[in-house]
Amino acid sequence: NFDIVHKITDKFKKQFNDFKKDGVDYEGNTFSLKNPKNE
């Protein structure tokens, strides 16, 4: 369920708030998160 995937991506970003959006698809969903501190 891709809707669940997107929810967990958002949840991960909130939990690990050093991560920033690094890739957003054409539908506005984040497919990549990156921590600029440790890469």
Full PDB file with SEQRES, HELIX, SHEET, SSBOND, CRYST1, ORIGX, SCALE, CONECT and MASTER records, all heavy atoms in Angstrom:
SEQRES   1 A   39  ASN PHE ASP ILE VAL HIS LYS ILE THR ASP LYS PHE LYS          
SEQRES   2 A   39  LYS GLN PHE ASN ASP PHE LYS LYS ASP GLY VAL ASP TYR          
SEQRES   3 A   39  GLU GLY ASN THR PHE SER LEU LYS ASN PRO LYS ASN GLU          
HELIX    1 AA1 PHE A    2  GLN A   15  1                                  14    
SHEET    1 AA1 2 LYS A  20  VAL A  24  0                                        
SHEET    2 AA1 2 THR A  30  LYS A  34 -1                                        
CRYST1    1.000    1.000    1.000  90.00  90.00  90.00 P 1           1          
ORIGX1      1.000000  0.000000  0.000000        0.00000                         
ORIGX2      0.000000  1.000000  0.000000        0.00000                         
ORIGX3      0.000000  0.000000  1.000000        0.00000                         
SCALE1      1.000000  0.000000  0.000000        0.00000                         
SCALE2      0.000000  1.000000  0.000000        0.00000                         
SCALE3      0.000000  0.000000  1.000000        0.00000                         
ATOM      1  N   ASN A   1       0.850  -1.185   0.000  1.00  0.00           N  
ATOM      2  CA  ASN A   1       0.000   0.000   0.000  1.00  0.00           C  
ATOM      3  C   ASN A   1       0.891   1.242   0.000  1.00  0.00           C  
ATOM      4  O   ASN A   1       1.521   1.564   1.009  1.00  0.00           O  
ATOM      5  CB  ASN A   1      -0.919  -0.020   1.227  1.00  0.00           C  
ATOM      6  CG  ASN A   1      -1.945   1.090   1.202  1.00  0.00           C  
ATOM      7  OD1 ASN A   1      -1.670   2.210   0.776  1.00  0.00           O  
ATOM      8  ND2 ASN A   1      -3.157   0.784   1.661  1.00  0.00           N  
ATOM      9  N   PHE A   2       0.933   1.929  -1.125  1.00  0.00           N  
ATOM     10  CA  PHE A   2       1.836   3.068  -1.249  1.00  0.00           C  
ATOM     11  C   PHE A   2       1.417   4.223  -0.348  1.00  0.00           C  
ATOM     12  O   PHE A   2       2.257   5.029   0.072  1.00  0.00           O  
ATOM     13  CB  PHE A   2       1.916   3.528  -2.700  1.00  0.00           C  
ATOM     14  CG  PHE A   2       2.581   2.538  -3.628  1.00  0.00           C  
ATOM     15  CD1 PHE A   2       2.520   2.694  -5.006  1.00  0.00           C  
ATOM     16  CD2 PHE A   2       3.279   1.449  -3.129  1.00  0.00           C  
ATOM     17  CE1 PHE A   2       3.137   1.787  -5.865  1.00  0.00           C  
ATOM     18  CE2 PHE A   2       3.896   0.534  -3.979  1.00  0.00           C  
ATOM     19  CZ  PHE A   2       3.818   0.707  -5.343  1.00  0.00           C  
ATOM     20  N   ASP A   3       0.117   4.321  -0.018  1.00  0.00           N  
ATOM     21  CA  ASP A   3      -0.310   5.366   0.916  1.00  0.00           C  
ATOM     22  C   ASP A   3       0.327   5.140   2.284  1.00  0.00           C  
ATOM     23  O   ASP A   3       0.730   6.099   2.958  1.00  0.00           O  
ATOM     24  CB  ASP A   3      -1.835   5.369   1.055  1.00  0.00           C  
ATOM     25  CG  ASP A   3      -2.539   5.918  -0.178  1.00  0.00           C  
ATOM     26  OD1 ASP A   3      -1.885   6.665  -0.938  1.00  0.00           O  
ATOM     27  OD2 ASP A   3      -3.723   5.593  -0.387  1.00  0.00           O  
ATOM     28  N   ILE A   4       0.445   3.884   2.673  1.00  0.00           N  
ATOM     29  CA  ILE A   4       1.106   3.550   3.937  1.00  0.00           C  
ATOM     30  C   ILE A   4       2.593   3.892   3.850  1.00  0.00           C  
ATOM     31  O   ILE A   4       3.175   4.434   4.796  1.00  0.00           O  
ATOM     32  CB  ILE A   4       0.900   2.056   4.269  1.00  0.00           C  
ATOM     33  CG1 ILE A   4      -0.566   1.802   4.625  1.00  0.00           C  
ATOM     34  CG2 ILE A   4       1.816   1.607   5.405  1.00  0.00           C  
ATOM     35  CD1 ILE A   4      -0.920   0.336   4.781  1.00  0.00           C  
ATOM     36  N   VAL A   5       3.198   3.584   2.722  1.00  0.00           N  
ATOM     37  CA  VAL A   5       4.612   3.925   2.514  1.00  0.00           C  
ATOM     38  C   VAL A   5       4.835   5.419   2.725  1.00  0.00           C  
ATOM     39  O   VAL A   5       5.759   5.842   3.430  1.00  0.00           O  
ATOM     40  CB  VAL A   5       5.076   3.501   1.104  1.00  0.00           C  
ATOM     41  CG1 VAL A   5       6.474   4.052   0.805  1.00  0.00           C  
ATOM     42  CG2 VAL A   5       5.077   1.981   0.964  1.00  0.00           C  
ATOM     43  N   HIS A   6       3.975   6.238   2.138  1.00  0.00           N  
ATOM     44  CA  HIS A   6       4.143   7.688   2.256  1.00  0.00           C  
ATOM     45  C   HIS A   6       3.920   8.163   3.698  1.00  0.00           C  
ATOM     46  O   HIS A   6       4.619   9.078   4.175  1.00  0.00           O  
ATOM     47  CB  HIS A   6       3.193   8.402   1.299  1.00  0.00           C  
ATOM     48  CG  HIS A   6       3.382   8.022  -0.137  1.00  0.00           C  
ATOM     49  ND1 HIS A   6       4.630   7.829  -0.695  1.00  0.00           N  
ATOM     50  CD2 HIS A   6       2.479   7.785  -1.139  1.00  0.00           C  
ATOM     51  CE1 HIS A   6       4.494   7.496  -1.975  1.00  0.00           C  
ATOM     52  NE2 HIS A   6       3.201   7.464  -2.258  1.00  0.00           N  
ATOM     53  N   LYS A   7       2.966   7.546   4.397  1.00  0.00           N  
ATOM     54  CA  LYS A   7       2.742   7.902   5.800  1.00  0.00           C  
ATOM     55  C   LYS A   7       3.978   7.604   6.646  1.00  0.00           C  
ATOM     56  O   LYS A   7       4.373   8.399   7.505  1.00  0.00           O  
ATOM     57  CB  LYS A   7       1.544   7.113   6.353  1.00  0.00           C  
ATOM     58  CG  LYS A   7       0.195   7.588   5.866  1.00  0.00           C  
ATOM     59  CD  LYS A   7      -0.913   6.715   6.462  1.00  0.00           C  
ATOM     60  CE  LYS A   7      -2.279   7.142   5.920  1.00  0.00           C  
ATOM     61  NZ  LYS A   7      -3.358   6.259   6.439  1.00  0.00           N  
ATOM     62  N   ILE A   8       4.605   6.461   6.389  1.00  0.00           N  
ATOM     63  CA  ILE A   8       5.774   6.072   7.172  1.00  0.00           C  
ATOM     64  C   ILE A   8       6.974   6.948   6.829  1.00  0.00           C  
ATOM     65  O   ILE A   8       7.795   7.273   7.695  1.00  0.00           O  
ATOM     66  CB  ILE A   8       6.068   4.574   6.975  1.00  0.00           C  
ATOM     67  CG1 ILE A   8       4.947   3.767   7.652  1.00  0.00           C  
ATOM     68  CG2 ILE A   8       7.432   4.174   7.522  1.00  0.00           C  
ATOM     69  CD1 ILE A   8       4.968   2.297   7.383  1.00  0.00           C  
ATOM     70  N   THR A   9       7.061   7.369   5.577  1.00  0.00           N  
ATOM     71  CA  THR A   9       8.127   8.302   5.201  1.00  0.00           C  
ATOM     72  C   THR A   9       7.994   9.601   5.988  1.00  0.00           C  
ATOM     73  O   THR A   9       8.979  10.128   6.526  1.00  0.00           O  
ATOM     74  CB  THR A   9       8.066   8.605   3.694  1.00  0.00           C  
ATOM     75  OG1 THR A   9       8.093   7.373   2.963  1.00  0.00           O  
ATOM     76  CG2 THR A   9       9.248   9.471   3.266  1.00  0.00           C  
ATOM     77  N   ASP A  10       6.780  10.116   6.072  1.00  0.00           N  
ATOM     78  CA  ASP A  10       6.542  11.343   6.846  1.00  0.00           C  
ATOM     79  C   ASP A  10       6.822  11.117   8.329  1.00  0.00           C  
ATOM     80  O   ASP A  10       7.399  11.981   9.009  1.00  0.00           O  
ATOM     81  CB  ASP A  10       5.099  11.817   6.655  1.00  0.00           C  
ATOM     82  CG  ASP A  10       4.813  12.296   5.238  1.00  0.00           C  
ATOM     83  OD1 ASP A  10       5.787  12.649   4.530  1.00  0.00           O  
ATOM     84  OD2 ASP A  10       3.635  12.312   4.836  1.00  0.00           O  
ATOM     85  N   LYS A  11       6.423   9.952   8.831  1.00  0.00           N  
ATOM     86  CA  LYS A  11       6.651   9.625  10.242  1.00  0.00           C  
ATOM     87  C   LYS A  11       8.145   9.534  10.547  1.00  0.00           C  
ATOM     88  O   LYS A  11       8.616  10.010  11.588  1.00  0.00           O  
ATOM     89  CB  LYS A  11       5.964   8.296  10.565  1.00  0.00           C  
ATOM     90  CG  LYS A  11       6.037   7.886  12.027  1.00  0.00           C  
ATOM     91  CD  LYS A  11       5.302   6.555  12.245  1.00  0.00           C  
ATOM     92  CE  LYS A  11       5.429   6.101  13.691  1.00  0.00           C  
ATOM     93  NZ  LYS A  11       4.763   4.782  13.914  1.00  0.00           N  
ATOM     94  N   PHE A  12       8.891   8.953   9.623  1.00  0.00           N  
ATOM     95  CA  PHE A  12      10.341   8.846   9.789  1.00  0.00           C  
ATOM     96  C   PHE A  12      10.970  10.237   9.870  1.00  0.00           C  
ATOM     97  O   PHE A  12      11.825  10.506  10.716  1.00  0.00           O  
ATOM     98  CB  PHE A  12      10.952   8.052   8.641  1.00  0.00           C  
ATOM     99  CG  PHE A  12      12.441   7.833   8.762  1.00  0.00           C  
ATOM    100  CD1 PHE A  12      12.948   6.695   9.359  1.00  0.00           C  
ATOM    101  CD2 PHE A  12      13.345   8.781   8.279  1.00  0.00           C  
ATOM    102  CE1 PHE A  12      14.314   6.496   9.483  1.00  0.00           C  
ATOM    103  CE2 PHE A  12      14.706   8.598   8.397  1.00  0.00           C  
ATOM    104  CZ  PHE A  12      15.195   7.446   9.001  1.00  0.00           C  
ATOM    105  N   LYS A  13      10.538  11.127   8.999  1.00  0.00           N  
ATOM    106  CA  LYS A  13      11.110  12.480   8.965  1.00  0.00           C  
ATOM    107  C   LYS A  13      10.833  13.225  10.273  1.00  0.00           C  
ATOM    108  O   LYS A  13      11.679  13.983  10.756  1.00  0.00           O  
ATOM    109  CB  LYS A  13      10.540  13.262   7.775  1.00  0.00           C  
ATOM    110  CG  LYS A  13      11.156  14.644   7.582  1.00  0.00           C  
ATOM    111  CD  LYS A  13      10.607  15.307   6.343  1.00  0.00           C  
ATOM    112  CE  LYS A  13      11.260  16.666   6.132  1.00  0.00           C  
ATOM    113  NZ  LYS A  13      10.962  17.598   7.240  1.00  0.00           N  
ATOM    114  N   LYS A  14       9.664  12.988  10.861  1.00  0.00           N  
ATOM    115  CA  LYS A  14       9.343  13.630  12.134  1.00  0.00           C  
ATOM    116  C   LYS A  14      10.175  13.057  13.274  1.00  0.00           C  
ATOM    117  O   LYS A  14      10.606  13.779  14.165  1.00  0.00           O  
ATOM    118  CB  LYS A  14       7.857  13.472  12.433  1.00  0.00           C  
ATOM    119  CG  LYS A  14       6.955  14.284  11.523  1.00  0.00           C  
ATOM    120  CD  LYS A  14       5.482  14.020  11.807  1.00  0.00           C  
ATOM    121  CE  LYS A  14       4.586  14.797  10.839  1.00  0.00           C  
ATOM    122  NZ  LYS A  14       3.158  14.486  11.054  1.00  0.00           N  
ATOM    123  N   GLN A  15      10.405  11.727  13.225  1.00  0.00           N  
ATOM    124  CA  GLN A  15      11.181  11.069  14.269  1.00  0.00           C  
ATOM    125  C   GLN A  15      12.655  11.448  14.191  1.00  0.00           C  
ATOM    126  O   GLN A  15      13.310  11.701  15.197  1.00  0.00           O  
ATOM    127  CB  GLN A  15      11.022   9.548  14.146  1.00  0.00           C  
ATOM    128  CG  GLN A  15      11.839   8.729  15.122  1.00  0.00           C  
ATOM    129  CD  GLN A  15      11.362   8.857  16.554  1.00  0.00           C  
ATOM    130  OE1 GLN A  15      10.245   9.284  16.800  1.00  0.00           O  
ATOM    131  NE2 GLN A  15      12.219   8.480  17.504  1.00  0.00           N  
ATOM    132  N   PHE A  16      13.190  11.469  12.969  1.00  0.00           N  
ATOM    133  CA  PHE A  16      14.602  11.791  12.741  1.00  0.00           C  
ATOM    134  C   PHE A  16      14.647  13.146  12.032  1.00  0.00           C  
ATOM    135  O   PHE A  16      14.794  13.219  10.807  1.00  0.00           O  
ATOM    136  CB  PHE A  16      15.271  10.695  11.914  1.00  0.00           C  
ATOM    137  CG  PHE A  16      15.223   9.336  12.564  1.00  0.00           C  
ATOM    138  CD1 PHE A  16      14.207   8.430  12.241  1.00  0.00           C  
ATOM    139  CD2 PHE A  16      16.166   8.946  13.500  1.00  0.00           C  
ATOM    140  CE1 PHE A  16      14.158   7.174  12.830  1.00  0.00           C  
ATOM    141  CE2 PHE A  16      16.125   7.696  14.101  1.00  0.00           C  
ATOM    142  CZ  PHE A  16      15.109   6.806  13.776  1.00  0.00           C  
ATOM    143  N   ASN A  17      14.494  14.195  12.817  1.00  0.00           N  
ATOM    144  CA  ASN A  17      14.237  15.507  12.207  1.00  0.00           C  
ATOM    145  C   ASN A  17      15.460  16.165  11.582  1.00  0.00           C  
ATOM    146  O   ASN A  17      15.353  17.268  11.045  1.00  0.00           O  
ATOM    147  CB  ASN A  17      13.564  16.450  13.209  1.00  0.00           C  
ATOM    148  CG  ASN A  17      14.323  16.553  14.517  1.00  0.00           C  
ATOM    149  OD1 ASN A  17      15.548  16.413  14.540  1.00  0.00           O  
ATOM    150  ND2 ASN A  17      13.611  16.790  15.603  1.00  0.00           N  
ATOM    151  N   ASP A  18      16.624  15.507  11.644  1.00  0.00           N  
ATOM    152  CA  ASP A  18      17.775  16.024  10.901  1.00  0.00           C  
ATOM    153  C   ASP A  18      17.659  15.709   9.407  1.00  0.00           C  
ATOM    154  O   ASP A  18      18.370  16.290   8.584  1.00  0.00           O  
ATOM    155  CB  ASP A  18      19.085  15.437  11.446  1.00  0.00           C  
ATOM    156  CG  ASP A  18      19.501  16.099  12.760  1.00  0.00           C  
ATOM    157  OD1 ASP A  18      19.083  17.249  12.996  1.00  0.00           O  
ATOM    158  OD2 ASP A  18      20.229  15.467  13.541  1.00  0.00           O  
ATOM    159  N   PHE A  19      16.781  14.774   9.070  1.00  0.00           N  
ATOM    160  CA  PHE A  19      16.599  14.405   7.666  1.00  0.00           C  
ATOM    161  C   PHE A  19      15.756  15.452   6.947  1.00  0.00           C  
ATOM    162  O   PHE A  19      14.752  15.941   7.483  1.00  0.00           O  
ATOM    163  CB  PHE A  19      15.917  13.041   7.554  1.00  0.00           C  
ATOM    164  CG  PHE A  19      16.858  11.875   7.712  1.00  0.00           C  
ATOM    165  CD1 PHE A  19      17.233  11.451   8.979  1.00  0.00           C  
ATOM    166  CD2 PHE A  19      17.370  11.209   6.606  1.00  0.00           C  
ATOM    167  CE1 PHE A  19      18.100  10.373   9.145  1.00  0.00           C  
ATOM    168  CE2 PHE A  19      18.239  10.141   6.753  1.00  0.00           C  
ATOM    169  CZ  PHE A  19      18.603   9.727   8.025  1.00  0.00           C  
ATOM    170  N   LYS A  20      16.181  15.778   5.729  1.00  0.00           N  
ATOM    171  CA  LYS A  20      15.469  16.742   4.896  1.00  0.00           C  
ATOM    172  C   LYS A  20      15.011  16.053   3.610  1.00  0.00           C  
ATOM    173  O   LYS A  20      15.594  15.066   3.171  1.00  0.00           O  
ATOM    174  CB  LYS A  20      16.370  17.932   4.541  1.00  0.00           C  
ATOM    175  CG  LYS A  20      17.085  18.557   5.736  1.00  0.00           C  
ATOM    176  CD  LYS A  20      16.129  19.092   6.785  1.00  0.00           C  
ATOM    177  CE  LYS A  20      16.891  19.689   7.966  1.00  0.00           C  
ATOM    178  NZ  LYS A  20      15.967  20.084   9.071  1.00  0.00           N  
ATOM    179  N   LYS A  21      13.990  16.608   2.999  1.00  0.00           N  
ATOM    180  CA  LYS A  21      13.529  16.065   1.719  1.00  0.00           C  
ATOM    181  C   LYS A  21      14.640  16.185   0.688  1.00  0.00           C  
ATOM    182  O   LYS A  21      15.205  17.262   0.491  1.00  0.00           O  
ATOM    183  CB  LYS A  21      12.281  16.802   1.240  1.00  0.00           C  
ATOM    184  CG  LYS A  21      11.041  16.504   2.074  1.00  0.00           C  
ATOM    185  CD  LYS A  21       9.813  17.194   1.487  1.00  0.00           C  
ATOM    186  CE  LYS A  21       8.573  16.891   2.323  1.00  0.00           C  
ATOM    187  NZ  LYS A  21       7.356  17.522   1.768  1.00  0.00           N  
ATOM    188  N   ASP A  22      14.913  15.070   0.009  1.00  0.00           N  
ATOM    189  CA  ASP A  22      15.993  15.046  -0.978  1.00  0.00           C  
ATOM    190  C   ASP A  22      15.477  14.657  -2.359  1.00  0.00           C  
ATOM    191  O   ASP A  22      16.172  14.818  -3.350  1.00  0.00           O  
ATOM    192  CB  ASP A  22      17.073  14.059  -0.517  1.00  0.00           C  
ATOM    193  CG  ASP A  22      18.328  14.102  -1.355  1.00  0.00           C  
ATOM    194  OD1 ASP A  22      18.860  15.207  -1.550  1.00  0.00           O  
ATOM    195  OD2 ASP A  22      18.779  13.035  -1.828  1.00  0.00           O  
ATOM    196  N   GLY A  23      14.262  14.121  -2.408  1.00  0.00           N  
ATOM    197  CA  GLY A  23      13.665  13.741  -3.681  1.00  0.00           C  
ATOM    198  C   GLY A  23      12.160  13.689  -3.545  1.00  0.00           C  
ATOM    199  O   GLY A  23      11.634  13.035  -2.640  1.00  0.00           O  
ATOM    200  N   VAL A  24      11.450  14.419  -4.422  1.00  0.00           N  
ATOM    201  CA  VAL A  24       9.989  14.442  -4.418  1.00  0.00           C  
ATOM    202  C   VAL A  24       9.505  14.049  -5.804  1.00  0.00           C  
ATOM    203  O   VAL A  24       9.993  14.587  -6.811  1.00  0.00           O  
ATOM    204  CB  VAL A  24       9.453  15.842  -4.033  1.00  0.00           C  
ATOM    205  CG1 VAL A  24       7.929  15.871  -4.085  1.00  0.00           C  
ATOM    206  CG2 VAL A  24       9.951  16.240  -2.647  1.00  0.00           C  
ATOM    207  N   ASP A  25       8.560  13.099  -5.878  1.00  0.00           N  
ATOM    208  CA  ASP A  25       8.115  12.630  -7.191  1.00  0.00           C  
ATOM    209  C   ASP A  25       7.110  13.600  -7.816  1.00  0.00           C  
ATOM    210  O   ASP A  25       6.737  14.619  -7.223  1.00  0.00           O  
ATOM    211  CB  ASP A  25       7.565  11.198  -7.104  1.00  0.00           C  
ATOM    212  CG  ASP A  25       6.239  11.091  -6.350  1.00  0.00           C  
ATOM    213  OD1 ASP A  25       5.513  12.090  -6.264  1.00  0.00           O  
ATOM    214  OD2 ASP A  25       5.924   9.979  -5.851  1.00  0.00           O  
ATOM    215  N   TYR A  26       6.673  13.284  -9.024  1.00  0.00           N  
ATOM    216  CA  TYR A  26       5.783  14.174  -9.765  1.00  0.00           C  
ATOM    217  C   TYR A  26       4.418  14.335  -9.098  1.00  0.00           C  
ATOM    218  O   TYR A  26       3.670  15.263  -9.424  1.00  0.00           O  
ATOM    219  CB  TYR A  26       5.588  13.657 -11.192  1.00  0.00           C  
ATOM    220  CG  TYR A  26       6.829  13.713 -12.054  1.00  0.00           C  
ATOM    221  CD1 TYR A  26       6.994  12.844 -13.127  1.00  0.00           C  
ATOM    222  CD2 TYR A  26       7.833  14.643 -11.805  1.00  0.00           C  
ATOM    223  CE1 TYR A  26       8.133  12.896 -13.926  1.00  0.00           C  
ATOM    224  CE2 TYR A  26       8.964  14.707 -12.597  1.00  0.00           C  
ATOM    225  CZ  TYR A  26       9.105  13.821 -13.651  1.00  0.00           C  
ATOM    226  OH  TYR A  26      10.242  13.885 -14.439  1.00  0.00           O  
ATOM    227  N   GLU A  27       4.095  13.424  -8.176  1.00  0.00           N  
ATOM    228  CA  GLU A  27       2.804  13.502  -7.486  1.00  0.00           C  
ATOM    229  C   GLU A  27       2.929  14.161  -6.113  1.00  0.00           C  
ATOM    230  O   GLU A  27       1.972  14.184  -5.334  1.00  0.00           O  
ATOM    231  CB  GLU A  27       2.221  12.090  -7.359  1.00  0.00           C  
ATOM    232  CG  GLU A  27       1.915  11.466  -8.723  1.00  0.00           C  
ATOM    233  CD  GLU A  27       1.534  10.002  -8.638  1.00  0.00           C  
ATOM    234  OE1 GLU A  27       1.487   9.461  -7.507  1.00  0.00           O  
ATOM    235  OE2 GLU A  27       1.287   9.395  -9.699  1.00  0.00           O  
ATOM    236  N   GLY A  28       4.136  14.651  -5.801  1.00  0.00           N  
ATOM    237  CA  GLY A  28       4.331  15.367  -4.549  1.00  0.00           C  
ATOM    238  C   GLY A  28       4.743  14.504  -3.377  1.00  0.00           C  
ATOM    239  O   GLY A  28       4.836  14.992  -2.241  1.00  0.00           O  
ATOM    240  N   ASN A  29       4.996  13.222  -3.621  1.00  0.00           N  
ATOM    241  CA  ASN A  29       5.399  12.319  -2.553  1.00  0.00           C  
ATOM    242  C   ASN A  29       6.914  12.266  -2.425  1.00  0.00           C  
ATOM    243  O   ASN A  29       7.633  12.242  -3.429  1.00  0.00           O  
ATOM    244  CB  ASN A  29       4.861  10.909  -2.818  1.00  0.00           C  
ATOM    245  CG  ASN A  29       3.346  10.867  -2.830  1.00  0.00           C  
ATOM    246  OD1 ASN A  29       2.700  11.304  -1.881  1.00  0.00           O  
ATOM    247  ND2 ASN A  29       2.772  10.363  -3.913  1.00  0.00           N  
ATOM    248  N   THR A  30       7.388  12.230  -1.192  1.00  0.00           N  
ATOM    249  CA  THR A  30       8.827  12.176  -0.942  1.00  0.00           C  
ATOM    250  C   THR A  30       9.337  10.757  -1.154  1.00  0.00           C  
ATOM    251  O   THR A  30       8.817   9.810  -0.564  1.00  0.00           O  
ATOM    252  CB  THR A  30       9.137  12.606   0.503  1.00  0.00           C  
ATOM    253  OG1 THR A  30       8.656  13.946   0.699  1.00  0.00           O  
ATOM    254  CG2 THR A  30      10.630  12.564   0.781  1.00  0.00           C  
ATOM    255  N   PHE A  31      10.353  10.605  -2.011  1.00  0.00           N  
ATOM    256  CA  PHE A  31      10.940   9.279  -2.194  1.00  0.00           C  
ATOM    257  C   PHE A  31      12.380   9.209  -1.684  1.00  0.00           C  
ATOM    258  O   PHE A  31      12.992   8.138  -1.705  1.00  0.00           O  
ATOM    259  CB  PHE A  31      10.878   8.825  -3.658  1.00  0.00           C  
ATOM    260  CG  PHE A  31      11.698   9.637  -4.624  1.00  0.00           C  
ATOM    261  CD1 PHE A  31      13.046   9.357  -4.835  1.00  0.00           C  
ATOM    262  CD2 PHE A  31      11.123  10.660  -5.353  1.00  0.00           C  
ATOM    263  CE1 PHE A  31      13.797  10.095  -5.735  1.00  0.00           C  
ATOM    264  CE2 PHE A  31      11.854  11.403  -6.263  1.00  0.00           C  
ATOM    265  CZ  PHE A  31      13.206  11.120  -6.449  1.00  0.00           C  
ATOM    266  N   SER A  32      12.904  10.327  -1.184  1.00  0.00           N  
ATOM    267  CA  SER A  32      14.258  10.318  -0.651  1.00  0.00           C  
ATOM    268  C   SER A  32      14.393  11.360   0.447  1.00  0.00           C  
ATOM    269  O   SER A  32      13.964  12.505   0.285  1.00  0.00           O  
ATOM    270  CB  SER A  32      15.276  10.593  -1.762  1.00  0.00           C  
ATOM    271  OG  SER A  32      16.594  10.598  -1.260  1.00  0.00           O  
ATOM    272  N   LEU A  33      14.972  10.934   1.576  1.00  0.00           N  
ATOM    273  CA  LEU A  33      15.287  11.815   2.692  1.00  0.00           C  
ATOM    274  C   LEU A  33      16.787  11.746   2.949  1.00  0.00           C  
ATOM    275  O   LEU A  33      17.367  10.658   2.892  1.00  0.00           O  
ATOM    276  CB  LEU A  33      14.540  11.391   3.953  1.00  0.00           C  
ATOM    277  CG  LEU A  33      13.016  11.475   3.944  1.00  0.00           C  
ATOM    278  CD1 LEU A  33      12.440  10.746   5.147  1.00  0.00           C  
ATOM    279  CD2 LEU A  33      12.565  12.938   3.937  1.00  0.00           C  
ATOM    280  N   LYS A  34      17.399  12.887   3.254  1.00  0.00           N  
ATOM    281  CA  LYS A  34      18.842  12.896   3.488  1.00  0.00           C  
ATOM    282  C   LYS A  34      19.179  13.708   4.728  1.00  0.00           C  
ATOM    283  O   LYS A  34      18.625  14.785   4.946  1.00  0.00           O  
ATOM    284  CB  LYS A  34      19.579  13.486   2.277  1.00  0.00           C  
ATOM    285  CG  LYS A  34      21.100  13.473   2.410  1.00  0.00           C  
ATOM    286  CD  LYS A  34      21.777  13.946   1.129  1.00  0.00           C  
ATOM    287  CE  LYS A  34      23.290  13.870   1.236  1.00  0.00           C  
ATOM    288  NZ  LYS A  34      23.955  14.280  -0.020  1.00  0.00           N  
ATOM    289  N   ASN A  35      20.096  13.167   5.527  1.00  0.00           N  
ATOM    290  CA  ASN A  35      20.613  13.879   6.685  1.00  0.00           C  
ATOM    291  C   ASN A  35      21.891  14.594   6.247  1.00  0.00           C  
ATOM    292  O   ASN A  35      22.915  13.946   5.998  1.00  0.00           O  
ATOM    293  CB  ASN A  35      20.912  12.895   7.818  1.00  0.00           C  
ATOM    294  CG  ASN A  35      21.377  13.577   9.087  1.00  0.00           C  
ATOM    295  OD1 ASN A  35      21.909  14.681   9.057  1.00  0.00           O  
ATOM    296  ND2 ASN A  35      21.189  12.910  10.223  1.00  0.00           N  
ATOM    297  N   PRO A  36      21.883  15.912   6.148  1.00  0.00           N  
ATOM    298  CA  PRO A  36      23.062  16.630   5.658  1.00  0.00           C  
ATOM    299  C   PRO A  36      24.250  16.567   6.614  1.00  0.00           C  
ATOM    300  O   PRO A  36      25.379  16.834   6.210  1.00  0.00           O  
ATOM    301  CB  PRO A  36      22.564  18.066   5.486  1.00  0.00           C  
ATOM    302  CG  PRO A  36      21.385  18.180   6.400  1.00  0.00           C  
ATOM    303  CD  PRO A  36      20.751  16.828   6.430  1.00  0.00           C  
ATOM    304  N   LYS A  37      24.005  16.183   7.870  1.00  0.00           N  
ATOM    305  CA  LYS A  37      25.088  16.137   8.846  1.00  0.00           C  
ATOM    306  C   LYS A  37      25.978  14.910   8.664  1.00  0.00           C  
ATOM    307  O   LYS A  37      27.200  14.993   8.764  1.00  0.00           O  
ATOM    308  CB  LYS A  37      24.517  16.173  10.260  1.00  0.00           C  
ATOM    309  CG  LYS A  37      23.809  17.475  10.598  1.00  0.00           C  
ATOM    310  CD  LYS A  37      23.258  17.459  12.018  1.00  0.00           C  
ATOM    311  CE  LYS A  37      22.560  18.776  12.348  1.00  0.00           C  
ATOM    312  NZ  LYS A  37      21.990  18.763  13.726  1.00  0.00           N  
ATOM    313  N   ASN A  38      25.363  13.755   8.422  1.00  0.00           N  
ATOM    314  CA  ASN A  38      26.164  12.530   8.255  1.00  0.00           C  
ATOM    315  C   ASN A  38      26.003  11.905   6.875  1.00  0.00           C  
ATOM    316  O   ASN A  38      26.588  10.856   6.595  1.00  0.00           O  
ATOM    317  CB  ASN A  38      25.821  11.506   9.341  1.00  0.00           C  
ATOM    318  CG  ASN A  38      24.328  11.165   9.379  1.00  0.00           C  
ATOM    319  OD1 ASN A  38      23.624  11.285   8.383  1.00  0.00           O  
ATOM    320  ND2 ASN A  38      23.849  10.726  10.537  1.00  0.00           N  
ATOM    321  N   GLU A  39      25.172  12.528   6.015  1.00  0.00           N  
ATOM    322  CA  GLU A  39      24.935  12.097   4.636  1.00  0.00           C  
ATOM    323  C   GLU A  39      24.203  10.768   4.537  1.00  0.00           C  
ATOM    324  O   GLU A  39      24.197  10.122   3.482  1.00  0.00           O  
ATOM    325  CB  GLU A  39      26.248  12.046   3.834  1.00  0.00           C  
ATOM    326  CG  GLU A  39      26.919  13.410   3.711  1.00  0.00           C  
ATOM    327  CD  GLU A  39      28.109  13.405   2.774  1.00  0.00           C  
ATOM    328  OE1 GLU A  39      28.745  12.346   2.618  1.00  0.00           O  
ATOM    329  OE2 GLU A  39      28.400  14.464   2.198  1.00  0.00           O  
TER     330      GLU A  39                                                      
MASTER        0    0    0    1    2    0    0    6  329    1    0    3          
END                                                                             
